[in-house]
Amino acid sequence: MHKIMLVEDDATMLSLLSTLLQIEGYQVVKVKQDSLEGILNEMRLEKPSLALIDVYLRAASGFDILRRLRQDPELKNIHVLMSSGMDFREQCLERGADEFILKPYMPDELIKKMRLSLGDKALDEGLVK
């Protein structure tokens, strides 16, 4: 079972994502820290398979988190799916994100992008649930 870390500061979005991902069989961890260092430390402790990171957060930039993840030998292999209400796809991919999803998105679109990021091709093709 993949562990997904949600780096999102919108409480409603966090609740909806958490419920959706648990229904899909993922283990979900919500980031409790709001500083860049706090978020990175939580990632070191939790060791998620994938981090779903919003570009705009109150206390830290999603771009900064992504940059630090890719520079850190302990964290660089975490799959990253970035999200935003603005189309930052190109910037996110250039900075090392595995995928980008534009808000608002449909649950099926999110799950497909997560599976692609994680390399779960059999899951994405509907061969395994």
Foldseek 3Di string as FASTA:
>chain_A
DFEEEEADDDPVVVVVVCVLVVVVPYHYHYQPDQALVSSVVVCLVPVGQEYEHEQDDDHDGSLVNLLVQCVDPSRNNRAYEYEYCDPCFVVCVVSPHLYYDHPPDDSLVVVLSVCVSSVVVCVNVVNDD
